[in-house]
């Protein structure tokens, strides 16, 4: 589908190709568990010392029944008619991929999930971003609110918990994008999306730019020297969206 694009593609525009090679190894339709068991065994051997690894999951974890939370407990689950035994929690898989990458000498960064194009308003009803009926006279577009993270934001919370525990930085992409989208307005944002999950190229570029803002906002950001002119032009994200989680020095 040529009109659909994820943020992994335009991310390269913001980095200097002489300094950085970006491998987009994201895979649509995967959960933390299905990616870890399907893609990760092929991705991990490619990771080298000094690499940066951006980890973001949570869009598909609810629908694919990844066990909730961050604990060590396991469950048996069924995905698309296939049974799996001893499946760990979402947080366990996030932590495992991060520590696997660190064992190779790489630097993981957690991102919370992108905001989806799903809107609510106290006076109106939408299907994703489109009104389901005539908008009432007292409808105020300023009251349009976008969804902030799948699973009522719990994936963001669990990602932040794992980041704190493992001293891995976390960028709250969910709320950064949601705040940006609400300033733009529902109708403008709707033009960026093919459906409630998938962006067109222009939408993908905004998400990529948002991620660059987050990476630039990290304390003593290692990404700053690696940016292209387009990357240098992006303002760093406000510290409220960032958990540096730097290890305490004693």
Protein backbone atom coordinates (compact mmCIF):
# COMPACT_ATOMS: atom_id res chain seq x y z
CA UNK A 1 0.00 0.00 0.00
CA UNK A 2 2.09 2.84 -1.33
CA UNK A 3 0.12 5.53 0.48
CA UNK A 4 0.89 4.04 3.91
CA UNK A 5 4.17 4.66 5.71
CA UNK A 6 5.57 4.09 9.18
CA UNK A 7 7.89 6.52 10.97
CA UNK A 8 10.93 4.24 10.53
CA UNK A 9 11.22 5.35 6.89
CA UNK A 10 11.35 9.17 7.26
CA UNK A 11 13.46 8.95 10.46
CA UNK A 12 16.52 8.71 8.19
CA UNK A 13 15.86 12.26 6.88
CA UNK A 14 16.78 13.68 10.29
CA UNK A 15 20.20 12.00 10.55
CA UNK A 16 23.45 12.55 8.69
CA UNK A 17 23.93 9.50 6.42
CA UNK A 18 27.70 9.92 6.66
CA UNK A 19 27.48 9.28 10.42
CA UNK A 20 24.45 7.02 10.87
CA UNK A 21 22.95 4.01 9.15
CA UNK A 22 19.32 3.48 10.15
CA UNK A 23 17.93 -0.05 10.01
CA UNK A 24 14.15 -0.03 10.07
CA UNK A 25 13.43 -3.52 11.42
CA UNK A 26 9.92 -2.75 12.65
CA UNK A 27 7.28 -5.23 11.58
CA UNK A 28 3.60 -4.31 11.27
CA UNK A 29 1.07 -6.36 13.18
CA UNK A 30 3.47 -7.66 15.82
CA UNK A 31 3.21 -7.56 19.60
CA UNK A 32 6.18 -7.51 21.98
CA UNK A 33 5.81 -11.30 22.27
CA UNK A 34 5.35 -12.15 18.57
CA UNK A 35 8.21 -9.80 17.61
CA UNK A 36 10.49 -11.30 20.26
CA UNK A 37 9.81 -14.85 19.10
CA UNK A 38 9.58 -14.11 15.34
CA UNK A 39 11.82 -11.17 14.40
CA UNK A 40 14.19 -10.66 17.31
CA UNK A 41 16.31 -13.81 16.65
CA UNK A 42 17.10 -12.30 13.20
CA UNK A 43 17.51 -8.71 14.44
CA UNK A 44 19.68 -9.32 17.51
CA UNK A 45 22.68 -10.73 15.57
CA UNK A 46 22.75 -7.51 13.50
CA UNK A 47 23.12 -5.31 16.59
CA UNK A 48 26.67 -4.10 17.19
CA UNK A 49 28.44 -2.38 20.06
CA UNK A 50 27.70 1.37 20.07
CA UNK A 51 24.40 1.00 18.19
CA UNK A 52 21.25 2.71 19.42
CA UNK A 53 18.12 0.55 19.54
CA UNK A 54 14.70 2.25 19.69
CA UNK A 55 12.10 -0.09 21.19
CA UNK A 56 8.37 0.65 20.95
CA UNK A 57 5.50 -1.82 21.33
CA UNK A 58 1.96 -1.73 22.69
CA UNK A 59 -0.17 -1.08 19.59
CA UNK A 60 -0.83 -4.79 18.99
CA UNK A 61 -0.20 -6.25 22.45
CA UNK A 62 -3.80 -5.87 23.60
CA UNK A 63 -5.31 -7.45 20.49
CA UNK A 64 -2.75 -10.26 20.51
CA UNK A 65 -3.32 -10.98 24.22
CA UNK A 66 0.19 -10.40 25.56
CA UNK A 67 -0.12 -10.85 29.36
CA UNK A 68 -0.43 -7.45 31.05
CA UNK A 69 2.08 -5.79 33.32
CA UNK A 70 5.77 -6.12 34.00
CA UNK A 71 6.02 -9.17 36.25
CA UNK A 72 7.78 -12.50 35.79
CA UNK A 73 4.60 -14.60 35.71
CA UNK A 74 3.68 -16.49 32.53
CA UNK A 75 0.38 -17.49 30.90
CA UNK A 76 -0.83 -19.76 28.13
CA UNK A 77 -2.47 -17.74 25.34
CA UNK A 78 -4.03 -18.28 21.92
CA UNK A 79 -3.18 -15.98 18.98
CA UNK A 80 -5.01 -16.37 15.66
CA UNK A 81 -5.98 -19.93 16.51
CA UNK A 82 -2.51 -21.02 17.63
CA UNK A 83 -1.74 -21.94 21.24
CA UNK A 84 1.37 -20.66 23.04
CA UNK A 85 2.54 -21.76 26.47
CA UNK A 86 4.49 -19.86 29.13
CA UNK A 87 4.11 -16.43 27.55
CA UNK A 88 5.65 -13.62 29.60
CA UNK A 89 4.27 -10.14 30.29
CA UNK A 90 4.60 -7.11 27.98
CA UNK A 91 7.15 -5.54 30.33
CA UNK A 92 9.19 -8.74 30.47
CA UNK A 93 9.61 -8.76 26.67
CA UNK A 94 10.48 -5.05 26.57
CA UNK A 95 13.11 -5.59 29.27
CA UNK A 96 14.48 -8.73 27.62
CA UNK A 97 14.98 -7.05 24.23
CA UNK A 98 16.60 -4.06 25.92
CA UNK A 99 18.99 -6.16 28.02
CA UNK A 100 19.78 -8.40 25.01
CA UNK A 101 20.78 -5.24 23.10
CA UNK A 102 22.84 -3.95 26.05
CA UNK A 103 24.68 -7.29 26.22
CA UNK A 104 25.88 -6.57 22.66
CA UNK A 105 27.17 -3.15 23.79
CA UNK A 106 24.21 -1.24 22.30
CA UNK A 107 22.17 1.55 23.91
CA UNK A 108 18.40 0.92 24.04
CA UNK A 109 15.85 3.73 24.25
CA UNK A 110 12.20 3.06 25.06
CA UNK A 111 9.43 5.00 23.29
CA UNK A 112 5.81 4.83 24.37
CA UNK A 113 3.31 4.06 21.60
CA UNK A 114 2.28 6.59 18.99
CA UNK A 115 -1.10 8.22 19.57
CA UNK A 116 -3.82 6.67 17.42
CA UNK A 117 -6.24 8.73 15.34
CA UNK A 118 -9.17 8.01 17.67
CA UNK A 119 -11.05 11.03 19.03
CA UNK A 120 -13.73 11.85 21.59
CA UNK A 121 -15.71 14.96 22.44
CA UNK A 122 -18.31 15.44 25.21
CA UNK A 123 -20.83 16.76 22.65
CA UNK A 124 -20.12 14.58 19.60
CA UNK A 125 -19.40 11.00 18.59
CA UNK A 126 -16.68 10.03 16.13
CA UNK A 127 -15.71 6.87 14.35
CA UNK A 128 -11.94 7.28 14.68
CA UNK A 129 -11.80 10.95 13.59
CA UNK A 130 -15.00 11.27 11.53
CA UNK A 131 -18.27 12.49 13.09
CA UNK A 132 -20.89 9.72 13.07
CA UNK A 133 -23.73 12.22 12.66
CA UNK A 134 -24.40 15.93 12.33
CA UNK A 135 -22.32 17.92 14.79
CA UNK A 136 -24.53 19.63 17.38
CA UNK A 137 -24.78 23.42 17.56
CA UNK A 138 -22.89 23.53 20.85
CA UNK A 139 -20.02 21.38 19.52
CA UNK A 140 -16.62 22.93 20.25
CA UNK A 141 -13.64 21.48 18.32
CA UNK A 142 -11.35 22.68 21.12
CA UNK A 143 -12.92 19.93 23.26
CA UNK A 144 -11.80 17.19 20.82
CA UNK A 145 -9.45 14.83 22.64
CA UNK A 146 -7.28 12.16 21.04
CA UNK A 147 -6.67 8.73 22.56
CA UNK A 148 -3.51 8.68 24.68
CA UNK A 149 -2.06 5.23 24.38
CA UNK A 150 -3.66 1.86 23.85
CA UNK A 151 -4.92 -0.04 26.90
CA UNK A 152 -5.86 3.23 28.65
CA UNK A 153 -2.23 4.28 28.65
CA UNK A 154 -1.08 1.27 30.63
CA UNK A 155 1.53 0.27 28.04
CA UNK A 156 3.12 3.68 28.52
CA UNK A 157 3.08 3.22 32.29
CA UNK A 158 4.64 -0.27 32.04
CA UNK A 159 7.27 0.99 29.59
CA UNK A 160 8.19 3.77 32.03
CA UNK A 161 8.36 1.29 34.91
CA UNK A 162 10.79 -0.94 32.98
CA UNK A 163 12.87 2.08 31.95
CA UNK A 164 13.19 3.23 35.56
CA UNK A 165 14.08 -0.28 36.75
CA UNK A 166 16.73 -0.85 34.05
CA UNK A 167 18.09 2.74 33.85
CA UNK A 168 16.97 2.99 30.21
CA UNK A 169 15.74 6.37 28.91
CA UNK A 170 12.04 6.65 28.02
CA UNK A 171 10.46 9.21 25.70
CA UNK A 172 6.72 9.63 26.20
CA UNK A 173 5.92 9.75 22.50
CA UNK A 174 2.24 9.10 23.28
CA UNK A 175 1.60 12.35 25.11
CA UNK A 176 4.08 14.36 23.06
CA UNK A 177 2.21 13.43 19.86
CA UNK A 178 -1.22 13.72 21.48
CA UNK A 179 -0.45 17.26 22.69
CA UNK A 180 0.85 18.18 19.25
CA UNK A 181 -2.18 16.64 17.51
CA UNK A 182 -4.70 18.40 19.77
CA UNK A 183 -3.03 21.73 18.93
CA UNK A 184 -3.29 20.89 15.20
CA UNK A 185 -6.94 19.84 15.54
CA UNK A 186 -8.81 16.67 14.64
CA UNK A 187 -9.53 17.49 10.99
CA UNK A 188 -5.89 18.34 10.20
CA UNK A 189 -4.61 15.22 11.98
CA UNK A 190 -7.15 13.04 10.17
CA UNK A 191 -5.50 13.97 6.84
CA UNK A 192 -2.27 12.36 8.08
CA UNK A 193 -3.83 8.95 8.70
CA UNK A 194 -5.02 6.15 6.46
CA UNK A 195 -7.03 4.61 9.33
CA UNK A 196 -6.82 4.96 13.10
CA UNK A 197 -3.38 3.29 13.27
CA UNK A 198 -1.51 3.79 10.01
CA UNK A 199 -0.06 7.05 8.75
CA UNK A 200 0.39 8.43 5.26
CA UNK A 201 3.91 9.69 4.46
CA UNK A 202 3.17 13.17 5.87
CA UNK A 203 1.93 11.64 9.13
CA UNK A 204 4.92 9.31 9.35
CA UNK A 205 7.22 12.31 8.98
CA UNK A 206 5.55 14.14 11.88
CA UNK A 207 5.93 11.07 14.11
CA UNK A 208 9.59 10.70 13.08
CA UNK A 209 10.19 14.38 13.79
CA UNK A 210 8.53 13.96 17.20
CA UNK A 211 10.85 11.05 18.00
CA UNK A 212 13.86 13.17 17.01
CA UNK A 213 12.60 15.89 19.37
CA UNK A 214 12.52 13.29 22.14
CA UNK A 215 15.98 11.93 21.36
CA UNK A 216 17.37 15.49 21.30
CA UNK A 217 15.75 16.15 24.66
CA UNK A 218 17.70 13.41 26.43
CA UNK A 219 20.27 14.62 28.96
CA UNK A 220 23.63 15.12 27.20
CA UNK A 221 21.94 13.61 24.14
CA UNK A 222 24.26 11.30 22.19
CA UNK A 223 22.02 11.87 19.15
CA UNK A 224 22.77 15.60 18.74
CA UNK A 225 26.10 15.16 16.86
CA UNK A 226 24.51 12.65 14.47
CA UNK A 227 21.77 14.85 13.03
CA UNK A 228 21.28 16.18 9.50
CA UNK A 229 20.31 19.81 8.92
CA UNK A 230 16.66 18.74 9.14
CA UNK A 231 17.39 17.08 12.48
CA UNK A 232 19.26 20.12 13.79
CA UNK A 233 16.19 22.25 12.99
CA UNK A 234 13.91 20.19 15.29
CA UNK A 235 13.36 21.69 18.74
CA UNK A 236 14.13 19.30 21.61
CA UNK A 237 11.09 17.94 23.46
CA UNK A 238 10.14 19.50 26.78
CA UNK A 239 11.77 17.60 29.70
CA UNK A 240 8.28 16.66 30.99
CA UNK A 241 8.07 14.02 28.22
CA UNK A 242 11.44 12.45 29.07
CA UNK A 243 12.71 10.12 31.75
CA UNK A 244 16.50 10.01 31.49
CA UNK A 245 16.77 7.21 34.06
CA UNK A 246 20.52 7.73 34.30
CA UNK A 247 22.15 5.40 36.84
CA UNK A 248 23.00 7.15 40.08
CA UNK A 249 26.73 7.74 40.44
CA UNK A 250 28.19 6.98 43.81
